[in-house]
Amino acid sequence: NHLWAISEKLLNENGMEFNIIRPLLKETLRKTEHMSPFDAQTGPAIR
């Protein structure tokens, strides 16, 4: 949740709203219903 708050702050400071990433958050959580969080990891760090 603290990381979400950081994301919201970054977005607001650049004229955007947190709502734009809500579908991303929903899909991130949805994936954990079918696979482990470890296997669901994406992003520049894992690559």
ModelCIF file with pLDDT and N, C-alpha, C, O atoms, coordinates in Angstrom:
data_MODEL
#
_entry.id   MODEL 
#
_entity.id                         1 
_entity.type                       polymer 
_entity.pdbx_number_of_molecules   1 
#
_entity_poly.entity_id                      1 
_entity_poly.type                           'polypeptide(L)' 
_entity_poly.nstd_linkage                   no 
_entity_poly.nstd_monomer                   no 
_entity_poly.pdbx_seq_one_letter_code       NHLWAISEKLLNENGMEFNIIRPLLKETLRKTEHMSPFDAQTGPAIR 
_entity_poly.pdbx_seq_one_letter_code_can   NHLWAISEKLLNENGMEFNIIRPLLKETLRKTEHMSPFDAQTGPAIR 
_entity_poly.pdbx_strand_id                 A 
#
loop_
_entity_poly_seq.entity_id 
_entity_poly_seq.num 
_entity_poly_seq.mon_id 
_entity_poly_seq.hetero 
1 1  ASN n 
1 2  HIS n 
1 3  LEU n 
1 4  TRP n 
1 5  ALA n 
1 6  ILE n 
1 7  SER n 
1 8  GLU n 
1 9  LYS n 
1 10 LEU n 
1 11 LEU n 
1 12 ASN n 
1 13 GLU n 
1 14 ASN n 
1 15 GLY n 
1 16 MET n 
1 17 GLU n 
1 18 PHE n 
1 19 ASN n 
1 20 ILE n 
1 21 ILE n 
1 22 ARG n 
1 23 PRO n 
1 24 LEU n 
1 25 LEU n 
1 26 LYS n 
1 27 GLU n 
1 28 THR n 
1 29 LEU n 
1 30 ARG n 
1 31 LYS n 
1 32 THR n 
1 33 GLU n 
1 34 HIS n 
1 35 MET n 
1 36 SER n 
1 37 PRO n 
1 38 PHE n 
1 39 ASP n 
1 40 ALA n 
1 41 GLN n 
1 42 THR n 
1 43 GLY n 
1 44 PRO n 
1 45 ALA n 
1 46 ILE n 
1 47 ARG n 
#
_struct_asym.id          A 
_struct_asym.entity_id   1 
#
loop_
_ma_qa_metric.id 
_ma_qa_metric.mode 
_ma_qa_metric.name 
_ma_qa_metric.software_group_id 
_ma_qa_metric.type 
1 global pLDDT . pLDDT 
2 local  pLDDT . pLDDT 
#
_ma_qa_metric_global.metric_id      1 
_ma_qa_metric_global.metric_value   96.21 
_ma_qa_metric_global.model_id       1 
_ma_qa_metric_global.ordinal_id     1 
#
loop_
_ma_qa_metric_local.label_asym_id 
_ma_qa_metric_local.label_comp_id 
_ma_qa_metric_local.label_seq_id 
_ma_qa_metric_local.metric_id 
_ma_qa_metric_local.metric_value 
_ma_qa_metric_local.model_id 
_ma_qa_metric_local.ordinal_id 
A ASN 1  2 97.00 1 1  
A HIS 2  2 98.00 1 2  
A LEU 3  2 98.00 1 3  
A TRP 4  2 98.00 1 4  
A ALA 5  2 98.00 1 5  
A ILE 6  2 97.00 1 6  
A SER 7  2 98.00 1 7  
A GLU 8  2 98.00 1 8  
A LYS 9  2 97.00 1 9  
A LEU 10 2 97.00 1 10 
A LEU 11 2 97.00 1 11 
A ASN 12 2 97.00 1 12 
A GLU 13 2 96.00 1 13 
A ASN 14 2 95.00 1 14 
A GLY 15 2 97.00 1 15 
A MET 16 2 98.00 1 16 
A GLU 17 2 97.00 1 17 
A PHE 18 2 98.00 1 18 
A ASN 19 2 97.00 1 19 
A ILE 20 2 97.00 1 20 
A ILE 21 2 97.00 1 21 
A ARG 22 2 97.00 1 22 
A PRO 23 2 97.00 1 23 
A LEU 24 2 97.00 1 24 
A LEU 25 2 96.00 1 25 
A LYS 26 2 96.00 1 26 
A GLU 27 2 96.00 1 27 
A THR 28 2 96.00 1 28 
A LEU 29 2 94.00 1 29 
A ARG 30 2 95.00 1 30 
A LYS 31 2 95.00 1 31 
A THR 32 2 94.00 1 32 
A GLU 33 2 93.00 1 33 
A HIS 34 2 94.00 1 34 
A MET 35 2 96.00 1 35 
A SER 36 2 96.00 1 36 
A PRO 37 2 96.00 1 37 
A PHE 38 2 96.00 1 38 
A ASP 39 2 95.00 1 39 
A ALA 40 2 95.00 1 40 
A GLN 41 2 95.00 1 41 
A THR 42 2 95.00 1 42 
A GLY 43 2 96.00 1 43 
A PRO 44 2 96.00 1 44 
A ALA 45 2 96.00 1 45 
A ILE 46 2 94.00 1 46 
A ARG 47 2 94.00 1 47 
#
loop_
_atom_site.group_PDB 
_atom_site.id 
_atom_site.type_symbol 
_atom_site.label_atom_id 
_atom_site.label_alt_id 
_atom_site.label_comp_id 
_atom_site.label_asym_id 
_atom_site.label_entity_id 
_atom_site.label_seq_id 
_atom_site.pdbx_PDB_ins_code 
_atom_site.Cartn_x 
_atom_site.Cartn_y 
_atom_site.Cartn_z 
_atom_site.occupancy 
_atom_site.B_iso_or_equiv 
_atom_site.pdbx_formal_charge 
_atom_site.auth_seq_id 
_atom_site.auth_comp_id 
_atom_site.auth_asym_id 
_atom_site.auth_atom_id 
_atom_site.pdbx_PDB_model_num 
ATOM 1   N N  . ASN A 1 1  ? 0.829  -1.206  0.000   1.00 97.00 ? 1  ASN A N  1 
ATOM 2   C CA . ASN A 1 1  ? 0.000  0.000   0.000   1.00 97.00 ? 1  ASN A CA 1 
ATOM 3   C C  . ASN A 1 1  ? 0.866  1.259   0.000   1.00 97.00 ? 1  ASN A C  1 
ATOM 4   O O  . ASN A 1 1  ? 0.530  2.250   -0.650  1.00 97.00 ? 1  ASN A O  1 
ATOM 5   N N  . HIS A 1 2  ? 1.983  1.216   0.734   1.00 98.00 ? 2  HIS A N  1 
ATOM 6   C CA . HIS A 1 2  ? 2.900  2.365   0.736   1.00 98.00 ? 2  HIS A CA 1 
ATOM 7   C C  . HIS A 1 2  ? 3.476  2.581   -0.666  1.00 98.00 ? 2  HIS A C  1 
ATOM 8   O O  . HIS A 1 2  ? 3.638  3.722   -1.099  1.00 98.00 ? 2  HIS A O  1 
ATOM 9   N N  . LEU A 1 3  ? 3.782  1.504   -1.369  1.00 98.00 ? 3  LEU A N  1 
ATOM 10  C CA . LEU A 1 3  ? 4.285  1.633   -2.736  1.00 98.00 ? 3  LEU A CA 1 
ATOM 11  C C  . LEU A 1 3  ? 3.211  2.214   -3.652  1.00 98.00 ? 3  LEU A C  1 
ATOM 12  O O  . LEU A 1 3  ? 3.516  2.989   -4.560  1.00 98.00 ? 3  LEU A O  1 
ATOM 13  N N  . TRP A 1 4  ? 1.961  1.842   -3.416  1.00 98.00 ? 4  TRP A N  1 
ATOM 14  C CA . TRP A 1 4  ? 0.866  2.458   -4.190  1.00 98.00 ? 4  TRP A CA 1 
ATOM 15  C C  . TRP A 1 4  ? 0.815  3.966   -3.923  1.00 98.00 ? 4  TRP A C  1 
ATOM 16  O O  . TRP A 1 4  ? 0.606  4.759   -4.840  1.00 98.00 ? 4  TRP A O  1 
ATOM 17  N N  . ALA A 1 5  ? 1.009  4.350   -2.661  1.00 98.00 ? 5  ALA A N  1 
ATOM 18  C CA . ALA A 1 5  ? 0.991  5.771   -2.305  1.00 98.00 ? 5  ALA A CA 1 
ATOM 19  C C  . ALA A 1 5  ? 2.132  6.520   -3.015  1.00 98.00 ? 5  ALA A C  1 
ATOM 20  O O  . ALA A 1 5  ? 1.962  7.660   -3.446  1.00 98.00 ? 5  ALA A O  1 
ATOM 21  N N  . ILE A 1 6  ? 3.286  5.869   -3.129  1.00 97.00 ? 6  ILE A N  1 
ATOM 22  C CA . ILE A 1 6  ? 4.403  6.460   -3.872  1.00 97.00 ? 6  ILE A CA 1 
ATOM 23  C C  . ILE A 1 6  ? 4.023  6.618   -5.338  1.00 97.00 ? 6  ILE A C  1 
ATOM 24  O O  . ILE A 1 6  ? 4.286  7.658   -5.943  1.00 97.00 ? 6  ILE A O  1 
ATOM 25  N N  . SER A 1 7  ? 3.400  5.580   -5.912  1.00 98.00 ? 7  SER A N  1 
ATOM 26  C CA . SER A 1 7  ? 2.964  5.646   -7.309  1.00 98.00 ? 7  SER A CA 1 
ATOM 27  C C  . SER A 1 7  ? 1.976  6.786   -7.513  1.00 98.00 ? 7  SER A C  1 
ATOM 28  O O  . SER A 1 7  ? 2.063  7.528   -8.491  1.00 98.00 ? 7  SER A O  1 
ATOM 29  N N  . GLU A 1 8  ? 1.039  6.919   -6.587  1.00 98.00 ? 8  GLU A N  1 
ATOM 30  C CA . GLU A 1 8  ? 0.040  7.989   -6.682  1.00 98.00 ? 8  GLU A CA 1 
ATOM 31  C C  . GLU A 1 8  ? 0.715  9.357   -6.657  1.00 98.00 ? 8  GLU A C  1 
ATOM 32  O O  . GLU A 1 8  ? 0.348  10.245  -7.426  1.00 98.00 ? 8  GLU A O  1 
ATOM 33  N N  . LYS A 1 9  ? 1.691  9.528   -5.784  1.00 97.00 ? 9  LYS A N  1 
ATOM 34  C CA . LYS A 1 9  ? 2.400  10.798  -5.673  1.00 97.00 ? 9  LYS A CA 1 
ATOM 35  C C  . LYS A 1 9  ? 3.143  11.122  -6.977  1.00 97.00 ? 9  LYS A C  1 
ATOM 36  O O  . LYS A 1 9  ? 3.099  12.256  -7.455  1.00 97.00 ? 9  LYS A O  1 
ATOM 37  N N  . LEU A 1 10 ? 3.821  10.127  -7.542  1.00 97.00 ? 10 LEU A N  1 
ATOM 38  C CA . LEU A 1 10 ? 4.547  10.344  -8.794  1.00 97.00 ? 10 LEU A CA 1 
ATOM 39  C C  . LEU A 1 10 ? 3.595  10.731  -9.921  1.00 97.00 ? 10 LEU A C  1 
ATOM 40  O O  . LEU A 1 10 ? 3.877  11.635  -10.707 1.00 97.00 ? 10 LEU A O  1 
ATOM 41  N N  . LEU A 1 11 ? 2.477  10.041  -9.985  1.00 97.00 ? 11 LEU A N  1 
ATOM 42  C CA . LEU A 1 11 ? 1.493  10.327  -11.036 1.00 97.00 ? 11 LEU A CA 1 
ATOM 43  C C  . LEU A 1 11 ? 0.897  11.726  -10.866 1.00 97.00 ? 11 LEU A C  1 
ATOM 44  O O  . LEU A 1 11 ? 0.811  12.493  -11.825 1.00 97.00 ? 11 LEU A O  1 
ATOM 45  N N  . ASN A 1 12 ? 0.488  12.046  -9.636  1.00 97.00 ? 12 ASN A N  1 
ATOM 46  C CA . ASN A 1 12 ? -0.128 13.352  -9.390  1.00 97.00 ? 12 ASN A CA 1 
ATOM 47  C C  . ASN A 1 12 ? 0.826  14.501  -9.691  1.00 97.00 ? 12 ASN A C  1 
ATOM 48  O O  . ASN A 1 12 ? 0.419  15.544  -10.202 1.00 97.00 ? 12 ASN A O  1 
ATOM 49  N N  . GLU A 1 13 ? 2.097  14.297  -9.369  1.00 96.00 ? 13 GLU A N  1 
ATOM 50  C CA . GLU A 1 13 ? 3.078  15.347  -9.631  1.00 96.00 ? 13 GLU A CA 1 
ATOM 51  C C  . GLU A 1 13 ? 3.295  15.585  -11.120 1.00 96.00 ? 13 GLU A C  1 
ATOM 52  O O  . GLU A 1 13 ? 3.840  16.611  -11.528 1.00 96.00 ? 13 GLU A O  1 
ATOM 53  N N  . ASN A 1 14 ? 2.856  14.614  -11.929 1.00 95.00 ? 14 ASN A N  1 
ATOM 54  C CA . ASN A 1 14 ? 3.018  14.735  -13.375 1.00 95.00 ? 14 ASN A CA 1 
ATOM 55  C C  . ASN A 1 14 ? 1.679  14.808  -14.102 1.00 95.00 ? 14 ASN A C  1 
ATOM 56  O O  . ASN A 1 14 ? 1.570  14.445  -15.273 1.00 95.00 ? 14 ASN A O  1 
ATOM 57  N N  . GLY A 1 15 ? 0.656  15.288  -13.379 1.00 97.00 ? 15 GLY A N  1 
ATOM 58  C CA . GLY A 1 15 ? -0.635 15.575  -13.990 1.00 97.00 ? 15 GLY A CA 1 
ATOM 59  C C  . GLY A 1 15 ? -1.481 14.362  -14.332 1.00 97.00 ? 15 GLY A C  1 
ATOM 60  O O  . GLY A 1 15 ? -2.364 14.442  -15.187 1.00 97.00 ? 15 GLY A O  1 
ATOM 61  N N  . MET A 1 16 ? -1.220 13.235  -13.674 1.00 98.00 ? 16 MET A N  1 
ATOM 62  C CA . MET A 1 16 ? -2.009 12.028  -13.935 1.00 98.00 ? 16 MET A CA 1 
ATOM 63  C C  . MET A 1 16 ? -2.670 11.539  -12.655 1.00 98.00 ? 16 MET A C  1 
ATOM 64  O O  . MET A 1 16 ? -2.282 11.928  -11.553 1.00 98.00 ? 16 MET A O  1 
ATOM 65  N N  . GLU A 1 17 ? -3.681 10.675  -12.816 1.00 97.00 ? 17 GLU A N  1 
ATOM 66  C CA . GLU A 1 17 ? -4.408 10.161  -11.661 1.00 97.00 ? 17 GLU A CA 1 
ATOM 67  C C  . GLU A 1 17 ? -4.082 8.697   -11.426 1.00 97.00 ? 17 GLU A C  1 
ATOM 68  O O  . GLU A 1 17 ? -3.701 7.968   -12.342 1.00 97.00 ? 17 GLU A O  1 
ATOM 69  N N  . PHE A 1 18 ? -4.241 8.287   -10.180 1.00 98.00 ? 18 PHE A N  1 
ATOM 70  C CA . PHE A 1 18 ? -3.951 6.899   -9.785  1.00 98.00 ? 18 PHE A CA 1 
ATOM 71  C C  . PHE A 1 18 ? -4.842 5.900   -10.516 1.00 98.00 ? 18 PHE A C  1 
ATOM 72  O O  . PHE A 1 18 ? -4.451 4.752   -10.729 1.00 98.00 ? 18 PHE A O  1 
ATOM 73  N N  . ASN A 1 19 ? -6.044 6.342   -10.902 1.00 97.00 ? 19 ASN A N  1 
ATOM 74  C CA . ASN A 1 19 ? -6.992 5.444   -11.581 1.00 97.00 ? 19 ASN A CA 1 
ATOM 75  C C  . ASN A 1 19 ? -6.407 4.803   -12.836 1.00 97.00 ? 19 ASN A C  1 
ATOM 76  O O  . ASN A 1 19 ? -6.843 3.725   -13.238 1.00 97.00 ? 19 ASN A O  1 
ATOM 77  N N  . ILE A 1 20 ? -5.437 5.446   -13.451 1.00 97.00 ? 20 ILE A N  1 
ATOM 78  C CA . ILE A 1 20 ? -4.902 4.931   -14.710 1.00 97.00 ? 20 ILE A CA 1 
ATOM 79  C C  . ILE A 1 20 ? -4.191 3.591   -14.522 1.00 97.00 ? 20 ILE A C  1 
ATOM 80  O O  . ILE A 1 20 ? -4.080 2.812   -15.469 1.00 97.00 ? 20 ILE A O  1 
ATOM 81  N N  . ILE A 1 21 ? -3.710 3.316   -13.305 1.00 97.00 ? 21 ILE A N  1 
ATOM 82  C CA . ILE A 1 21 ? -3.014 2.039   -13.100 1.00 97.00 ? 21 ILE A CA 1 
ATOM 83  C C  . ILE A 1 21 ? -3.849 1.017   -12.321 1.00 97.00 ? 21 ILE A C  1 
ATOM 84  O O  . ILE A 1 21 ? -3.359 -0.067  -12.003 1.00 97.00 ? 21 ILE A O  1 
ATOM 85  N N  . ARG A 1 22 ? -5.107 1.354   -12.013 1.00 97.00 ? 22 ARG A N  1 
ATOM 86  C CA . ARG A 1 22 ? -5.939 0.393   -11.296 1.00 97.00 ? 22 ARG A CA 1 
ATOM 87  C C  . ARG A 1 22 ? -6.120 -0.929  -12.061 1.00 97.00 ? 22 ARG A C  1 
ATOM 88  O O  . ARG A 1 22 ? -6.063 -1.988  -11.437 1.00 97.00 ? 22 ARG A O  1 
ATOM 89  N N  . PRO A 1 23 ? -6.337 -0.910  -13.394 1.00 97.00 ? 23 PRO A N  1 
ATOM 90  C CA . PRO A 1 23 ? -6.428 -2.191  -14.113 1.00 97.00 ? 23 PRO A CA 1 
ATOM 91  C C  . PRO A 1 23 ? -5.155 -3.031  -13.982 1.00 97.00 ? 23 PRO A C  1 
ATOM 92  O O  . PRO A 1 23 ? -5.220 -4.260  -13.935 1.00 97.00 ? 23 PRO A O  1 
ATOM 93  N N  . LEU A 1 24 ? -4.003 -2.368  -13.925 1.00 97.00 ? 24 LEU A N  1 
ATOM 94  C CA . LEU A 1 24 ? -2.734 -3.066  -13.730 1.00 97.00 ? 24 LEU A CA 1 
ATOM 95  C C  . LEU A 1 24 ? -2.696 -3.752  -12.363 1.00 97.00 ? 24 LEU A C  1 
ATOM 96  O O  . LEU A 1 24 ? -2.249 -4.893  -12.246 1.00 97.00 ? 24 LEU A O  1 
ATOM 97  N N  . LEU A 1 25 ? -3.164 -3.053  -11.341 1.00 96.00 ? 25 LEU A N  1 
ATOM 98  C CA . LEU A 1 25 ? -3.173 -3.619  -9.995  1.00 96.00 ? 25 LEU A CA 1 
ATOM 99  C C  . LEU A 1 25 ? -4.126 -4.803  -9.905  1.00 96.00 ? 25 LEU A C  1 
ATOM 100 O O  . LEU A 1 25 ? -3.812 -5.815  -9.279  1.00 96.00 ? 25 LEU A O  1 
ATOM 101 N N  . LYS A 1 26 ? -5.287 -4.672  -10.530 1.00 96.00 ? 26 LYS A N  1 
ATOM 102 C CA . LYS A 1 26 ? -6.270 -5.760  -10.509 1.00 96.00 ? 26 LYS A CA 1 
ATOM 103 C C  . LYS A 1 26 ? -5.725 -7.012  -11.187 1.00 96.00 ? 26 LYS A C  1 
ATOM 104 O O  . LYS A 1 26 ? -5.916 -8.123  -10.693 1.00 96.00 ? 26 LYS A O  1 
ATOM 105 N N  . GLU A 1 27 ? -5.046 -6.833  -12.317 1.00 96.00 ? 27 GLU A N  1 
ATOM 106 C CA . GLU A 1 27 ? -4.498 -7.978  -13.036 1.00 96.00 ? 27 GLU A CA 1 
ATOM 107 C C  . GLU A 1 27 ? -3.350 -8.614  -12.257 1.00 96.00 ? 27 GLU A C  1 
ATOM 108 O O  . GLU A 1 27 ? -3.199 -9.835  -12.254 1.00 96.00 ? 27 GLU A O  1 
ATOM 109 N N  . THR A 1 28 ? -2.550 -7.793  -11.604 1.00 96.00 ? 28 THR A N  1 
ATOM 110 C CA . THR A 1 28 ? -1.452 -8.313  -10.781 1.00 96.00 ? 28 THR A CA 1 
ATOM 111 C C  . THR A 1 28 ? -1.983 -9.222  -9.680  1.00 96.00 ? 28 THR A C  1 
ATOM 112 O O  . THR A 1 28 ? -1.437 -10.298 -9.439  1.00 96.00 ? 28 THR A O  1 
ATOM 113 N N  . LEU A 1 29 ? -3.051 -8.785  -9.013  1.00 94.00 ? 29 LEU A N  1 
ATOM 114 C CA . LEU A 1 29 ? -3.645 -9.595  -7.952  1.00 94.00 ? 29 LEU A CA 1 
ATOM 115 C C  . LEU A 1 29 ? -4.354 -10.813 -8.529  1.00 94.00 ? 29 LEU A C  1 
ATOM 116 O O  . LEU A 1 29 ? -4.282 -11.900 -7.954  1.00 94.00 ? 29 LEU A O  1 
ATOM 117 N N  . ARG A 1 30 ? -5.042 -10.645 -9.666  1.00 95.00 ? 30 ARG A N  1 
ATOM 118 C CA . ARG A 1 30 ? -5.782 -11.760 -10.269 1.00 95.00 ? 30 ARG A CA 1 
ATOM 119 C C  . ARG A 1 30 ? -4.855 -12.915 -10.616 1.00 95.00 ? 30 ARG A C  1 
ATOM 120 O O  . ARG A 1 30 ? -5.219 -14.080 -10.454 1.00 95.00 ? 30 ARG A O  1 
ATOM 121 N N  . LYS A 1 31 ? -3.666 -12.594 -11.090 1.00 95.00 ? 31 LYS A N  1 
ATOM 122 C CA . LYS A 1 31 ? -2.729 -13.649 -11.482 1.00 95.00 ? 31 LYS A CA 1 
ATOM 123 C C  . LYS A 1 31 ? -2.339 -14.546 -10.316 1.00 95.00 ? 31 LYS A C  1 
ATOM 124 O O  . LYS A 1 31 ? -2.055 -15.729 -10.505 1.00 95.00 ? 31 LYS A O  1 
ATOM 125 N N  . THR A 1 32 ? -2.324 -13.981 -9.106  1.00 94.00 ? 32 THR A N  1 
ATOM 126 C CA . THR A 1 32 ? -1.930 -14.780 -7.948  1.00 94.00 ? 32 THR A CA 1 
ATOM 127 C C  . THR A 1 32 ? -2.985 -15.808 -7.563  1.00 94.00 ? 32 THR A C  1 
ATOM 128 O O  . THR A 1 32 ? -2.733 -16.669 -6.720  1.00 94.00 ? 32 THR A O  1 
ATOM 129 N N  . GLU A 1 33 ? -4.177 -15.724 -8.178  1.00 93.00 ? 33 GLU A N  1 
ATOM 130 C CA . GLU A 1 33 ? -5.188 -16.749 -7.939  1.00 93.00 ? 33 GLU A CA 1 
ATOM 131 C C  . GLU A 1 33 ? -4.866 -18.031 -8.695  1.00 93.00 ? 33 GLU A C  1 
ATOM 132 O O  . GLU A 1 33 ? -5.399 -19.095 -8.380  1.00 93.00 ? 33 GLU A O  1 
ATOM 133 N N  . HIS A 1 34 ? -3.991 -17.928 -9.692  1.00 94.00 ? 34 HIS A N  1 
ATOM 134 C CA . HIS A 1 34 ? -3.697 -19.079 -10.543 1.00 94.00 ? 34 HIS A CA 1 
ATOM 135 C C  . HIS A 1 34 ? -2.223 -19.473 -10.547 1.00 94.00 ? 34 HIS A C  1 
ATOM 136 O O  . HIS A 1 34 ? -1.875 -20.549 -11.033 1.00 94.00 ? 34 HIS A O  1 
ATOM 137 N N  . MET A 1 35 ? -1.360 -18.625 -10.016 1.00 96.00 ? 35 MET A N  1 
ATOM 138 C CA . MET A 1 35 ? 0.057  -18.929 -9.989  1.00 96.00 ? 35 MET A CA 1 
ATOM 139 C C  . MET A 1 35 ? 0.702  -18.245 -8.796  1.00 96.00 ? 35 MET A C  1 
ATOM 140 O O  . MET A 1 35 ? 0.127  -17.321 -8.222  1.00 96.00 ? 35 MET A O  1 
ATOM 141 N N  . SER A 1 36 ? 1.886  -18.688 -8.422  1.00 96.00 ? 36 SER A N  1 
ATOM 142 C CA . SER A 1 36 ? 2.558  -18.094 -7.272  1.00 96.00 ? 36 SER A CA 1 
ATOM 143 C C  . SER A 1 36 ? 3.057  -16.694 -7.627  1.00 96.00 ? 36 SER A C  1 
ATOM 144 O O  . SER A 1 36 ? 3.356  -16.427 -8.791  1.00 96.00 ? 36 SER A O  1 
ATOM 145 N N  . PRO A 1 37 ? 3.151  -15.800 -6.646  1.00 96.00 ? 37 PRO A N  1 
ATOM 146 C CA . PRO A 1 37 ? 3.689  -14.465 -6.918  1.00 96.00 ? 37 PRO A CA 1 
ATOM 147 C C  . PRO A 1 37 ? 5.099  -14.519 -7.503  1.00 96.00 ? 37 PRO A C  1 
ATOM 148 O O  . PRO A 1 37 ? 5.463  -13.684 -8.330  1.00 96.00 ? 37 PRO A O  1 
ATOM 149 N N  . PHE A 1 38 ? 5.880  -15.489 -7.078  1.00 96.00 ? 38 PHE A N  1 
ATOM 150 C CA . PHE A 1 38 ? 7.238  -15.627 -7.620  1.00 96.00 ? 38 PHE A CA 1 
ATOM 151 C C  . PHE A 1 38 ? 7.186  -15.848 -9.129  1.00 96.00 ? 38 PHE A C  1 
ATOM 152 O O  . PHE A 1 38 ? 7.908  -15.196 -9.883  1.00 96.00 ? 38 PHE A O  1 
ATOM 153 N N  . ASP A 1 39 ? 6.327  -16.769 -9.565  1.00 95.00 ? 39 ASP A N  1 
ATOM 154 C CA . ASP A 1 39 ? 6.233  -17.077 -10.997 1.00 95.00 ? 39 ASP A CA 1 
ATOM 155 C C  . ASP A 1 39 ? 5.561  -15.960 -11.780 1.00 95.00 ? 39 ASP A C  1 
ATOM 156 O O  . ASP A 1 39 ? 5.737  -15.858 -12.994 1.00 95.00 ? 39 ASP A O  1 
ATOM 157 N N  . ALA A 1 40 ? 4.793  -15.125 -11.094 1.00 95.00 ? 40 ALA A N  1 
ATOM 158 C CA . ALA A 1 40 ? 4.069  -14.050 -11.775 1.00 95.00 ? 40 ALA A CA 1 
ATOM 159 C C  . ALA A 1 40 ? 4.906  -12.783 -11.935 1.00 95.00 ? 40 ALA A C  1 
ATOM 160 O O  . ALA A 1 40 ? 4.450  -11.813 -12.542 1.00 95.00 ? 40 ALA A O  1 
ATOM 161 N N  . GLN A 1 41 ? 6.120  -12.781 -11.398 1.00 95.00 ? 41 GLN A N  1 
ATOM 162 C CA . GLN A 1 41 ? 6.950  -11.578 -11.432 1.00 95.00 ? 41 GLN A CA 1 
ATOM 163 C C  . GLN A 1 41 ? 7.270  -11.138 -12.859 1.00 95.00 ? 41 GLN A C  1 
ATOM 164 O O  . GLN A 1 41 ? 7.691  -11.949 -13.684 1.00 95.00 ? 41 GLN A O  1 
ATOM 165 N N  . THR A 1 42 ? 7.073  -9.868  -13.142 1.00 95.00 ? 42 THR A N  1 
ATOM 166 C CA . THR A 1 42 ? 7.451  -9.272  -14.431 1.00 95.00 ? 42 THR A CA 1 
ATOM 167 C C  . THR A 1 42 ? 8.216  -7.989  -14.158 1.00 95.00 ? 42 THR A C  1 
ATOM 168 O O  . THR A 1 42 ? 8.447  -7.644  -12.999 1.00 95.00 ? 42 THR A O  1 
ATOM 169 N N  . GLY A 1 43 ? 8.607  -7.287  -15.189 1.00 96.00 ? 43 GLY A N  1 
ATOM 170 C CA . GLY A 1 43 ? 9.239  -5.987  -15.027 1.00 96.00 ? 43 GLY A CA 1 
ATOM 171 C C  . GLY A 1 43 ? 10.716 -5.982  -15.385 1.00 96.00 ? 43 GLY A C  1 
ATOM 172 O O  . GLY A 1 43 ? 11.295 -7.033  -15.661 1.00 96.00 ? 43 GLY A O  1 
ATOM 173 N N  . PRO A 1 44 ? 11.328 -4.798  -15.381 1.00 96.00 ? 44 PRO A N  1 
ATOM 174 C CA . PRO A 1 44 ? 12.717 -4.659  -15.814 1.00 96.00 ? 44 PRO A CA 1 
ATOM 175 C C  . PRO A 1 44 ? 13.719 -5.392  -14.919 1.00 96.00 ? 44 PRO A C  1 
ATOM 176 O O  . PRO A 1 44 ? 14.763 -5.828  -15.406 1.00 96.00 ? 44 PRO A O  1 
ATOM 177 N N  . ALA A 1 45 ? 13.426 -5.538  -13.621 1.00 96.00 ? 45 ALA A N  1 
ATOM 178 C CA . ALA A 1 45 ? 14.377 -6.200  -12.723 1.00 96.00 ? 45 ALA A CA 1 
ATOM 179 C C  . ALA A 1 45 ? 14.558 -7.668  -13.082 1.00 96.00 ? 45 ALA A C  1 
ATOM 180 O O  . ALA A 1 45 ? 15.688 -8.145  -13.186 1.00 96.00 ? 45 ALA A O  1 
ATOM 181 N N  . ILE A 1 46 ? 13.440 -8.398  -13.275 1.00 94.00 ? 46 ILE A N  1 
ATOM 182 C CA . ILE A 1 46 ? 13.559 -9.822  -13.589 1.00 94.00 ? 46 ILE A CA 1 
ATOM 183 C C  . ILE A 1 46 ? 14.170 -10.032 -14.972 1.00 94.00 ? 46 ILE A C  1 
ATOM 184 O O  . ILE A 1 46 ? 14.797 -11.059 -15.230 1.00 94.00 ? 46 ILE A O  1 
ATOM 185 N N  . ARG A 1 47 ? 13.984 -9.052  -15.864 1.00 94.00 ? 47 ARG A N  1 
ATOM 186 C CA . ARG A 1 47 ? 14.591 -9.140  -17.199 1.00 94.00 ? 47 ARG A CA 1 
ATOM 187 C C  . ARG A 1 47 ? 16.038 -8.640  -17.188 1.00 94.00 ? 47 ARG A C  1 
ATOM 188 O O  . ARG A 1 47 ? 16.701 -8.643  -18.225 1.00 94.00 ? 47 ARG A O  1 
#
